[in-house]
C-alpha cells in the first residue's frame, strides 16, 4: 500500500515577503530628499525590516512543521519521504536568500541612519575584514573577479631639521603601488583570492594569496599567504579607506604593515562580533633594527619556519558606526639565530598587542589605535647582529595615534571633502637590554594636518603636512601629496 502525503502549500507569507522586498528595493533606489524625508525613510525601512523578520520566523516555523511531516512520511514510505525532502530544499534556499536580503536591508538602514549615501552597488564597502576592492570576489556569484588600486606619493622635505641642521633630504615622487586583485569563486563554498603588487614601479610581490572554505557565517577556513589581522591598515590599506597621504607610523614599525606570512586558520562573524585567528610562520629577528620590526617580515618567500606564531583579532560592532576591538600576536622570531657569546639558539619570543576603535556618524570619522610589543633575548640578538650602544633592537616598543576627520559634503552625495588631523607617538626603544642605551631619535611625535577630496568614491586626492619632533631635536617636517584609486 502506498501512502501519499500532500504537502501543505502556504503562499501568503512568501507572497507578502516578496512584495515587501520589492517595495524596499524601489524605496532604496529613490534619491535622498530633504532631512525630514530621510528620517521618515529610515523609520519606514526599519518598520519593514521588522515585518520581514517576523515573516521570516513564520516561514521557518512552517518549514519546521514540514520537516516533521516529512519524517512521518518517511516512516510510512521512504520513497515519498525522499521526494518531500527534495521539495523542501528550494524552500530552504528561499529562506537563506530572504535572510541575506534582510541583512542587506538592515545594513542600508544603518548607513542611512548614519547620514551616509546608499550606493546602487556595494562597491565601496569591504567584507570579512578586507577592503572594498580586495573583497570583490565575495560579491560575485561565480567565476573570475578582477579589481585593484594604486597610489602615487609626492614628498617634499623641509630644508632644515628642528635643530637648524641642514636636512640633506631630497624631494621625491614615487608611484608607490599598482595593485591587481585576482579572485575566483569556484562555487558557494570555495573561493580563491589574491593581491599582486608592483611597488615603486619596478618590484613585484604577492601581497596575499589564499583559499577560503565558506562553511557557515560563524566558522570558515582559510589557508595560504595571509595578511596578519592587526590594526587598521594592514588589512584595510586601499587609499580610499584611510586618511593621510602616508600610513600611520605605528602601523608601519610596531605593526609592520603591510605584513603577510604563510599560514592557515579560522574566521567568521556572529551578530555584532567578528574574528580571525591564524597560525603563521614567525617573523625573522635578523631583520629587526632600532627603528622597529618591519624588517622582520618574511613575506611568504622561502620563509624560515623554525618558529611559528599565533595571531588573532576580535571586533565588536558596539553600535551603528562604532567598532572596537583588539588583536594579539605571539610567537618566536629567532628562526635559528645563535648567540655568538653563549652558543645558544635564540627564541626571540615576540608579542604584539593592539587595541583599536573607530566611530563614524554623519560625516564625522574618528580612529584610535594603541600598540605595544615586547621581545625576549634582545641582548643575544644584538650580539648576533653586531649592534652596540644606542643601536639596540628595542626590548619594548610602543605607540599610539588618534585621528579625526569630517566630510563637509556629508549627505549631499556624489563627492566628499574631508579635513583631517592625526596625532601620533612612537617609541621603538621604549626599553633596551642592560649594557645598551636608548637613542634620543627613536622616541618621536608627529602632528598631521591635511585634507582629502573624493570626486567619486573610487578616486581620492590627499594633501597633508607632517610636523615631526623627537628628544634629539632632529625632527624633519614634510609636505605630502597622494593620488589614489580603487576599482
Protein backbone atom coordinates (compact mmCIF):
# COMPACT_ATOMS: atom_id res chain seq x y z
CA UNK A 1 0.00 0.00 0.00
CA UNK A 2 1.41 3.31 -0.98
CA UNK A 3 0.93 6.26 1.35
CA UNK A 4 0.85 9.68 -0.27
CA UNK A 5 1.10 12.79 1.81
CA UNK A 6 0.05 16.02 0.16
CA UNK A 7 2.40 18.80 1.21
CA UNK A 8 0.71 21.86 2.59
CA UNK A 9 1.14 24.96 0.49
CA UNK A 10 1.35 28.29 2.22
CA UNK A 11 1.74 31.04 -0.31
CA UNK A 12 0.54 34.13 1.51
CA UNK A 13 3.60 34.71 3.73
CA UNK A 14 6.00 34.16 0.83
CA UNK A 15 3.99 36.47 -1.43
CA UNK A 16 3.94 39.09 1.29
CA UNK A 17 7.69 38.79 1.72
CA UNK A 18 8.30 39.19 -1.99
CA UNK A 19 6.04 42.24 -2.10
CA UNK A 20 7.85 43.78 0.85
CA UNK A 21 11.27 43.09 -0.69
CA UNK A 22 10.10 44.61 -3.99
CA UNK A 23 8.80 47.65 -2.17
CA UNK A 24 12.04 48.05 -0.29
CA UNK A 25 14.07 47.76 -3.48
CA UNK A 26 12.04 50.53 -5.09
CA UNK A 27 12.34 52.67 -2.00
CA UNK A 28 16.09 52.23 -1.75
CA UNK A 29 16.54 53.18 -5.40
CA UNK A 30 14.97 56.60 -4.88
CA UNK A 31 17.33 59.56 -4.29
CA UNK A 32 17.67 61.27 -0.91
CA UNK A 33 15.25 64.07 -0.29
CA UNK A 34 15.33 66.62 2.48
CA UNK A 35 16.49 65.77 6.01
CA UNK A 36 12.94 65.17 7.27
CA UNK A 37 12.18 62.88 4.33
CA UNK A 38 15.38 60.95 5.04
CA UNK A 39 14.30 60.44 8.66
CA UNK A 40 10.89 59.20 7.52
CA UNK A 41 12.59 56.85 5.08
CA UNK A 42 14.81 55.37 7.77
CA UNK A 43 11.79 54.88 10.06
CA UNK A 44 9.82 53.21 7.26
CA UNK A 45 12.71 50.93 6.36
CA UNK A 46 13.16 49.90 9.99
CA UNK A 47 9.46 49.03 10.21
CA UNK A 48 9.63 46.95 7.02
CA UNK A 49 12.72 45.14 8.30
CA UNK A 50 10.78 44.25 11.44
CA UNK A 51 7.95 42.89 9.29
CA UNK A 52 10.41 40.92 7.18
CA UNK A 53 11.96 39.37 10.27
CA UNK A 54 8.52 38.41 11.56
CA UNK A 55 7.62 36.78 8.26
CA UNK A 56 10.97 35.01 8.20
CA UNK A 57 10.30 33.47 11.61
CA UNK A 58 6.85 32.39 10.41
CA UNK A 59 8.34 30.72 7.37
CA UNK A 60 10.96 28.99 9.48
CA UNK A 61 8.28 27.68 11.80
CA UNK A 62 6.33 26.35 8.84
CA UNK A 63 9.43 24.68 7.43
CA UNK A 64 9.95 23.01 10.81
CA UNK A 65 6.41 21.63 10.64
CA UNK A 66 7.04 20.43 7.11
CA UNK A 67 10.17 18.66 8.31
CA UNK A 68 8.15 16.76 10.94
CA UNK A 69 5.63 15.75 8.30
CA UNK A 70 8.44 14.58 6.06
CA UNK A 71 9.75 12.34 8.83
CA UNK A 72 6.30 10.88 9.37
CA UNK A 73 6.02 10.25 5.65
CA UNK A 74 9.41 8.53 5.73
CA UNK A 75 8.20 6.16 8.41
CA UNK A 76 5.26 5.24 6.17
CA UNK A 77 7.03 5.23 2.82
CA UNK A 78 10.73 6.01 2.25
CA UNK A 79 10.25 6.97 -1.33
CA UNK A 80 7.62 9.61 -0.58
CA UNK A 81 9.77 10.98 2.25
CA UNK A 82 12.75 11.45 -0.04
CA UNK A 83 10.53 13.26 -2.51
CA UNK A 84 9.25 15.51 0.25
CA UNK A 85 12.80 16.26 1.36
CA UNK A 86 13.68 17.17 -2.21
CA UNK A 87 10.76 19.57 -2.33
CA UNK A 88 11.90 21.22 0.89
CA UNK A 89 15.36 22.19 -0.41
CA UNK A 90 14.17 25.05 -2.65
CA UNK A 91 12.14 26.46 0.24
CA UNK A 92 15.21 26.35 2.49
CA UNK A 93 17.16 28.14 -0.23
CA UNK A 94 14.47 30.81 -0.33
CA UNK A 95 14.77 31.20 3.45
CA UNK A 96 18.54 31.67 3.17
CA UNK A 97 18.06 34.21 0.40
CA UNK A 98 15.45 36.06 2.46
CA UNK A 99 17.79 36.16 5.45
CA UNK A 100 20.54 37.57 3.23
CA UNK A 101 18.22 40.27 1.86
CA UNK A 102 17.21 41.25 5.39
CA UNK A 103 20.89 41.64 6.34
CA UNK A 104 21.48 43.82 3.25
CA UNK A 105 18.46 45.98 4.00
CA UNK A 106 19.41 46.30 7.67
CA UNK A 107 22.91 47.44 6.65
CA UNK A 108 21.40 50.06 4.33
CA UNK A 109 19.11 51.26 7.12
CA UNK A 110 22.17 51.64 9.36
CA UNK A 111 24.02 53.64 6.72
CA UNK A 112 21.02 55.92 6.22
CA UNK A 113 20.77 56.45 9.97
CA UNK A 114 24.43 57.49 9.99
CA UNK A 115 23.78 60.02 7.24
CA UNK A 116 25.63 58.12 4.53
CA UNK A 117 24.55 57.63 0.94
CA UNK A 118 23.44 54.16 -0.13
CA UNK A 119 25.30 53.32 -3.32
CA UNK A 120 23.37 51.44 -6.01
CA UNK A 121 26.14 48.80 -5.91
CA UNK A 122 28.11 47.82 -2.82
CA UNK A 123 31.47 48.68 -4.38
CA UNK A 124 32.74 50.96 -1.60
CA UNK A 125 32.15 48.62 1.35
CA UNK A 126 34.57 45.89 2.40
CA UNK A 127 33.68 42.39 3.53
CA UNK A 128 35.14 39.99 6.09
CA UNK A 129 37.85 42.39 7.27
CA UNK A 130 39.07 43.19 3.75
CA UNK A 131 38.97 46.50 1.90
CA UNK A 132 36.35 47.13 -0.84
CA UNK A 133 38.31 46.01 -3.90
CA UNK A 134 40.07 43.18 -2.04
CA UNK A 135 36.69 41.65 -1.13
CA UNK A 136 35.24 41.92 -4.63
CA UNK A 137 35.30 38.14 -5.23
CA UNK A 138 32.88 37.57 -2.34
CA UNK A 139 30.24 39.69 -4.06
CA UNK A 140 30.32 37.64 -7.26
CA UNK A 141 28.05 34.68 -7.95
CA UNK A 142 30.76 32.51 -9.51
CA UNK A 143 33.86 32.73 -11.68
CA UNK A 144 36.63 35.31 -12.07
CA UNK A 145 36.77 38.69 -10.32
CA UNK A 146 39.31 41.41 -11.06
CA UNK A 147 39.90 44.56 -9.01
CA UNK A 148 42.76 46.74 -7.92
CA UNK A 149 44.10 50.03 -6.59
CA UNK A 150 47.04 52.35 -6.98
CA UNK A 151 48.88 55.14 -5.16
CA UNK A 152 51.31 57.87 -6.20
CA UNK A 153 53.04 59.90 -3.48
CA UNK A 154 54.98 63.19 -3.63
CA UNK A 155 57.08 64.07 -0.54
CA UNK A 156 58.69 67.48 -0.06
CA UNK A 157 61.05 67.76 2.93
CA UNK A 158 61.99 70.88 4.83
CA UNK A 159 65.49 72.18 4.08
CA UNK A 160 66.46 72.07 7.78
CA UNK A 161 65.72 69.97 10.82
CA UNK A 162 64.21 71.24 14.06
CA UNK A 163 67.71 71.99 15.47
CA UNK A 164 68.61 74.08 12.40
CA UNK A 165 70.93 71.50 10.84
CA UNK A 166 70.56 71.04 7.07
CA UNK A 167 68.32 68.09 6.28
CA UNK A 168 70.07 67.00 3.06
CA UNK A 169 66.80 65.26 2.17
CA UNK A 170 65.76 65.28 -1.47
CA UNK A 171 62.15 65.72 -2.52
CA UNK A 172 60.70 62.60 -4.09
CA UNK A 173 57.75 61.46 -6.17
CA UNK A 174 57.08 57.74 -6.28
CA UNK A 175 54.46 55.55 -7.88
CA UNK A 176 54.17 53.58 -4.66
CA UNK A 177 51.86 50.79 -5.67
CA UNK A 178 50.00 49.39 -8.64
CA UNK A 179 47.79 46.54 -7.45
CA UNK A 180 45.69 43.90 -9.17
CA UNK A 181 43.31 41.59 -7.33
CA UNK A 182 42.50 38.28 -8.94
CA UNK A 183 39.82 36.15 -7.31
CA UNK A 184 37.93 33.10 -8.39
CA UNK A 185 34.72 31.80 -6.85
CA UNK A 186 34.54 28.09 -7.71
CA UNK A 187 31.15 27.63 -6.05
CA UNK A 188 29.28 28.76 -2.95
CA UNK A 189 31.86 27.09 -0.68
CA UNK A 190 35.29 27.50 -2.28
CA UNK A 191 36.93 30.87 -3.02
CA UNK A 192 40.43 31.88 -4.12
CA UNK A 193 41.62 35.46 -3.58
CA UNK A 194 44.93 37.16 -4.31
CA UNK A 195 46.69 40.53 -4.47
CA UNK A 196 49.57 41.06 -6.88
CA UNK A 197 51.59 44.20 -6.16
CA UNK A 198 54.05 46.27 -8.15
CA UNK A 199 55.93 48.58 -5.76
CA UNK A 200 57.87 51.66 -6.83
CA UNK A 201 57.10 50.75 -10.46
CA UNK A 202 59.81 48.05 -10.56
CA UNK A 203 59.31 45.49 -7.74
CA UNK A 204 56.77 42.68 -7.92
CA UNK A 205 55.28 40.93 -4.87
CA UNK A 206 52.44 38.64 -3.95
CA UNK A 207 50.70 40.56 -1.17
CA UNK A 208 48.30 37.75 -0.33
CA UNK A 209 47.03 34.58 -1.97
CA UNK A 210 44.72 32.21 -0.14
CA UNK A 211 41.88 29.73 -0.43
CA UNK A 212 38.71 30.00 1.68
CA UNK A 213 36.24 27.29 2.54
CA UNK A 214 32.98 29.06 3.38
CA UNK A 215 31.26 26.69 5.77
CA UNK A 216 28.92 28.98 7.69
CA UNK A 217 28.97 32.64 8.77
CA UNK A 218 30.32 31.77 12.22
CA UNK A 219 33.12 29.44 11.08
CA UNK A 220 35.16 29.41 7.87
CA UNK A 221 38.59 28.06 6.93
CA UNK A 222 41.45 29.94 5.25
CA UNK A 223 44.93 28.90 4.11
CA UNK A 224 47.77 30.42 2.08
CA UNK A 225 49.71 33.69 2.19
CA UNK A 226 47.67 35.70 4.70
CA UNK A 227 47.54 39.30 5.89
CA UNK A 228 48.16 39.44 9.64
CA UNK A 229 44.84 40.72 11.06
CA UNK A 230 46.31 43.51 13.22
CA UNK A 231 45.50 47.21 13.35
CA UNK A 232 43.59 49.10 10.68
CA UNK A 233 45.71 49.48 7.57
CA UNK A 234 47.34 46.05 7.37
CA UNK A 235 44.09 44.63 6.01
CA UNK A 236 42.39 47.90 5.01
CA UNK A 237 45.26 49.53 3.11
CA UNK A 238 43.48 50.73 -0.02
CA UNK A 239 43.97 54.52 -0.28
CA UNK A 240 40.26 55.42 -0.12
CA UNK A 241 39.69 53.76 3.28
CA UNK A 242 42.24 55.56 5.44
CA UNK A 243 43.09 59.21 5.98
CA UNK A 244 46.59 60.53 5.40
CA UNK A 245 48.81 60.57 2.34
CA UNK A 246 51.14 58.22 4.27
CA UNK A 247 50.15 55.34 6.51
CA UNK A 248 50.47 55.90 10.29
CA UNK A 249 53.96 55.22 11.66
CA UNK A 250 52.63 52.98 14.45
CA UNK A 251 51.17 50.73 11.76
CA UNK A 252 54.50 50.55 9.97
CA UNK A 253 57.22 49.95 12.56
CA UNK A 254 55.40 48.32 15.50
CA UNK A 255 52.68 46.63 13.45
CA UNK A 256 54.93 46.07 10.41
CA UNK A 257 52.38 46.80 7.68
CA UNK A 258 51.88 45.61 5.06
CA UNK A 259 52.53 42.33 6.85
CA UNK A 260 51.77 38.92 5.42
CA UNK A 261 53.02 35.42 6.18
CA UNK A 262 52.20 31.84 5.22
CA UNK A 263 49.67 30.05 7.37
CA UNK A 264 46.13 28.86 7.90
CA UNK A 265 43.29 29.49 10.31
CA UNK A 266 39.67 30.30 11.04
CA UNK A 267 37.48 33.35 10.60
CA UNK A 268 33.82 34.25 10.95
CA UNK A 269 31.21 36.50 12.47
CA UNK A 270 28.20 36.14 14.71
CA UNK A 271 25.89 39.06 15.33
CA UNK A 272 27.99 42.09 16.27
CA UNK A 273 31.19 40.05 16.75
CA UNK A 274 33.74 39.10 14.10
CA UNK A 275 37.08 37.32 14.45
CA UNK A 276 40.12 35.97 12.61
CA UNK A 277 42.63 33.51 14.13
CA UNK A 278 45.66 32.19 12.23
CA UNK A 279 48.78 30.08 12.75
CA UNK A 280 51.61 31.63 10.68
CA UNK A 281 55.36 31.34 10.27
CA UNK A 282 57.04 33.71 12.70
CA UNK A 283 58.92 36.91 11.97
CA UNK A 284 62.68 36.75 11.32
CA UNK A 285 64.53 38.68 14.04
CA UNK A 286 67.56 39.03 11.76
CA UNK A 287 65.65 41.91 10.16
CA UNK A 288 64.82 43.74 13.40
CA UNK A 289 66.52 47.10 13.97
CA UNK A 290 66.47 50.09 16.33
CA UNK A 291 63.76 51.60 14.10
CA UNK A 292 61.30 48.71 14.58
CA UNK A 293 60.10 45.29 13.46
CA UNK A 294 59.32 45.98 9.82
CA UNK A 295 62.47 44.32 8.51
CA UNK A 296 61.44 41.04 10.17
CA UNK A 297 58.64 40.33 7.70
CA UNK A 298 59.29 37.22 5.59
CA UNK A 299 56.57 37.98 3.00
CA UNK A 300 55.91 34.33 2.15
CA UNK A 301 59.13 33.96 0.14
CA UNK A 302 61.08 30.84 1.23
CA UNK A 303 60.09 31.78 4.77
CA UNK A 304 62.10 30.30 7.62
CA UNK A 305 59.81 28.07 9.65
CA UNK A 306 61.84 27.12 12.73
CA UNK A 307 59.45 29.34 14.70
CA UNK A 308 55.70 29.82 14.29
CA UNK A 309 53.29 32.34 15.75
CA UNK A 310 49.61 32.77 16.59
CA UNK A 311 47.77 35.92 15.58
CA UNK A 312 44.14 36.62 16.43
CA UNK A 313 41.71 39.50 16.18
CA UNK A 314 38.28 40.23 17.67
CA UNK A 315 36.00 43.15 16.70
CA UNK A 316 32.70 44.24 18.20
CA UNK A 317 30.25 46.45 16.30
CA UNK A 318 29.05 48.02 19.54
CA UNK A 319 26.56 50.41 17.88
CA UNK A 320 25.80 51.74 14.39
CA UNK A 321 29.02 53.35 13.18
CA UNK A 322 31.05 52.25 16.23
CA UNK A 323 33.59 49.40 16.16
CA UNK A 324 36.00 48.47 18.96
CA UNK A 325 38.41 45.57 19.11
CA UNK A 326 41.93 44.30 19.50
CA UNK A 327 44.45 41.79 18.26
CA UNK A 328 47.32 39.69 19.60
CA UNK A 329 50.45 38.25 18.00
CA UNK A 330 52.57 35.74 19.93
CA UNK A 331 55.42 33.61 18.63
CA UNK A 332 59.13 33.07 18.16
CA UNK A 333 61.26 35.15 15.80
CA UNK A 334 64.67 33.54 16.34
CA UNK A 335 64.47 31.33 13.23
CA UNK A 336 67.76 29.60 14.14
CA UNK A 337 69.81 32.68 15.15
CA UNK A 338 72.63 31.72 17.54
CA UNK A 339 74.06 33.94 20.29
CA UNK A 340 77.82 34.12 19.49
CA UNK A 341 78.69 34.52 23.18
CA UNK A 342 76.81 31.52 24.60
CA UNK A 343 76.32 29.38 21.52
CA UNK A 344 72.64 29.14 22.43
CA UNK A 345 69.94 29.24 19.78
CA UNK A 346 67.74 32.27 20.42
CA UNK A 347 63.96 32.10 20.58
CA UNK A 348 63.40 35.90 20.45
CA UNK A 349 59.81 35.45 21.64
CA UNK A 350 57.79 38.33 20.22
CA UNK A 351 54.43 39.60 21.41
CA UNK A 352 52.42 42.43 19.88
CA UNK A 353 49.16 43.66 21.38
CA UNK A 354 46.99 46.37 19.88
CA UNK A 355 43.63 47.92 20.74
CA UNK A 356 41.60 49.98 18.28
CA UNK A 357 38.33 51.80 17.86
CA UNK A 358 36.52 53.59 15.04
CA UNK A 359 33.46 55.84 15.09
CA UNK A 360 31.55 57.21 12.10
CA UNK A 361 28.48 59.43 12.26
CA UNK A 362 27.00 61.86 9.71
CA UNK A 363 30.30 62.90 8.15
CA UNK A 364 32.44 62.58 11.27
CA UNK A 365 35.02 59.81 11.44
CA UNK A 366 37.50 59.07 14.19
CA UNK A 367 40.08 56.35 14.79
CA UNK A 368 42.14 55.47 17.85
CA UNK A 369 44.84 52.80 17.99
CA UNK A 370 47.46 51.81 20.56
CA UNK A 371 50.10 49.08 20.08
CA UNK A 372 52.84 47.60 22.22
CA UNK A 373 55.47 44.93 21.52
CA UNK A 374 57.82 43.01 23.83
CA UNK A 375 60.82 40.89 22.78
CA UNK A 376 62.99 38.36 24.65
CA UNK A 377 66.67 37.52 24.07
CA UNK A 378 67.41 41.01 22.75
CA UNK A 379 70.94 41.19 24.25
CA UNK A 380 71.87 37.98 22.46
CA UNK A 381 70.15 39.20 19.28
CA UNK A 382 72.18 42.44 19.39
CA UNK A 383 75.37 40.41 19.68
CA UNK A 384 74.36 38.19 16.76
CA UNK A 385 73.57 41.27 14.62
CA UNK A 386 76.65 43.22 15.74
CA UNK A 387 74.60 46.04 17.31
CA UNK A 388 76.18 48.12 20.10
CA UNK A 389 75.45 51.26 22.13
CA UNK A 390 72.29 53.08 21.07
CA UNK A 391 71.83 50.83 18.01
CA UNK A 392 69.99 48.18 20.09
CA UNK A 393 66.79 46.49 19.00
CA UNK A 394 64.09 47.54 21.43
CA UNK A 395 63.03 45.13 24.17
CA UNK A 396 59.80 47.11 24.31
CA UNK A 397 58.19 49.15 21.52
CA UNK A 398 55.06 51.23 21.93
CA UNK A 399 52.97 53.78 20.14
CA UNK A 400 49.51 55.20 19.61
CA UNK A 401 47.62 57.63 17.44
CA UNK A 402 44.30 59.46 17.36
CA UNK A 403 42.72 60.66 14.12
CA UNK A 404 39.70 62.82 13.35
CA UNK A 405 38.09 63.89 10.09
CA UNK A 406 34.85 65.48 8.91
CA UNK A 407 33.25 65.31 5.46
CA UNK A 408 31.91 68.79 4.77
CA UNK A 409 29.83 67.36 1.91
CA UNK A 410 28.27 64.62 4.04
CA UNK A 411 24.73 63.73 2.98
CA UNK A 412 24.92 65.66 -0.28
CA UNK A 413 26.12 62.69 -2.32
CA UNK A 414 28.50 62.46 -5.23
CA UNK A 415 31.73 63.68 -3.64
CA UNK A 416 33.45 64.24 -0.30
CA UNK A 417 35.86 66.78 1.17
CA UNK A 418 37.45 65.69 4.45
CA UNK A 419 39.75 67.95 6.50
CA UNK A 420 41.59 65.73 8.98
CA UNK A 421 44.24 65.66 11.68
CA UNK A 422 46.24 62.90 13.31
CA UNK A 423 48.45 62.99 16.41
CA UNK A 424 50.89 60.13 16.86
CA UNK A 425 53.59 58.97 19.27
CA UNK A 426 56.04 56.14 18.55
CA UNK A 427 58.98 54.80 20.56
CA UNK A 428 60.81 51.82 19.08
CA UNK A 429 63.23 51.74 22.03
CA UNK A 430 60.87 52.14 24.97
CA UNK A 431 63.23 49.73 26.76
CA UNK A 432 66.60 48.21 25.81
CA UNK A 433 68.75 45.48 27.49
CA UNK A 434 71.32 46.25 30.19
CA UNK A 435 74.56 47.44 28.67
CA UNK A 436 72.81 49.35 25.88
CA UNK A 437 71.36 52.89 25.77
CA UNK A 438 68.25 54.34 24.19
CA UNK A 439 68.65 56.60 21.20
CA UNK A 440 67.10 60.05 21.53
CA UNK A 441 65.81 59.82 17.96
CA UNK A 442 63.56 56.75 18.28
CA UNK A 443 61.03 58.42 20.60
CA UNK A 444 59.14 60.73 18.26
CA UNK A 445 55.86 62.57 17.95
CA UNK A 446 54.08 63.85 14.88
CA UNK A 447 51.09 66.02 14.02
CA UNK A 448 49.49 65.58 10.60
CA UNK A 449 47.11 68.19 9.18
CA UNK A 450 45.52 67.64 5.80
CA UNK A 451 42.53 67.38 3.53
CA UNK A 452 41.20 64.55 1.35
CA UNK A 453 38.99 65.11 -1.70
CA UNK A 454 37.00 62.39 -3.46
CA UNK A 455 35.21 63.46 -6.65
CA UNK A 456 33.77 59.92 -6.69
CA UNK A 457 34.06 57.11 -4.15
CA UNK A 458 36.77 55.30 -6.11
CA UNK A 459 39.25 58.20 -6.52
CA UNK A 460 40.96 60.23 -3.80
CA UNK A 461 43.46 63.10 -3.59
CA UNK A 462 45.13 63.72 -0.21
CA UNK A 463 47.35 66.66 0.79
CA UNK A 464 48.85 66.96 4.26
CA UNK A 465 51.70 68.46 6.27
CA UNK A 466 53.51 66.44 8.95
CA UNK A 467 55.35 68.08 11.86
CA UNK A 468 57.86 65.63 13.41
CA UNK A 469 59.59 66.08 16.77
CA UNK A 470 61.97 63.97 18.87
CA UNK A 471 64.10 64.38 22.00
CA UNK A 472 67.26 64.92 19.96
CA UNK A 473 65.77 67.85 18.07
CA UNK A 474 66.38 66.25 14.68
CA UNK A 475 62.74 66.10 13.58
CA UNK A 476 62.20 66.68 9.87
CA UNK A 477 58.87 68.06 8.69
CA UNK A 478 57.38 67.26 5.28
CA UNK A 479 54.58 68.03 2.83
CA UNK A 480 52.82 65.07 1.18
CA UNK A 481 50.51 64.82 -1.84
CA UNK A 482 48.95 61.47 -2.72
CA UNK A 483 46.70 60.35 -5.56
CA UNK A 484 44.88 57.06 -5.15
CA UNK A 485 42.18 54.98 -6.83
CA UNK A 486 40.38 51.66 -6.47
CA UNK A 487 38.29 49.61 -8.89
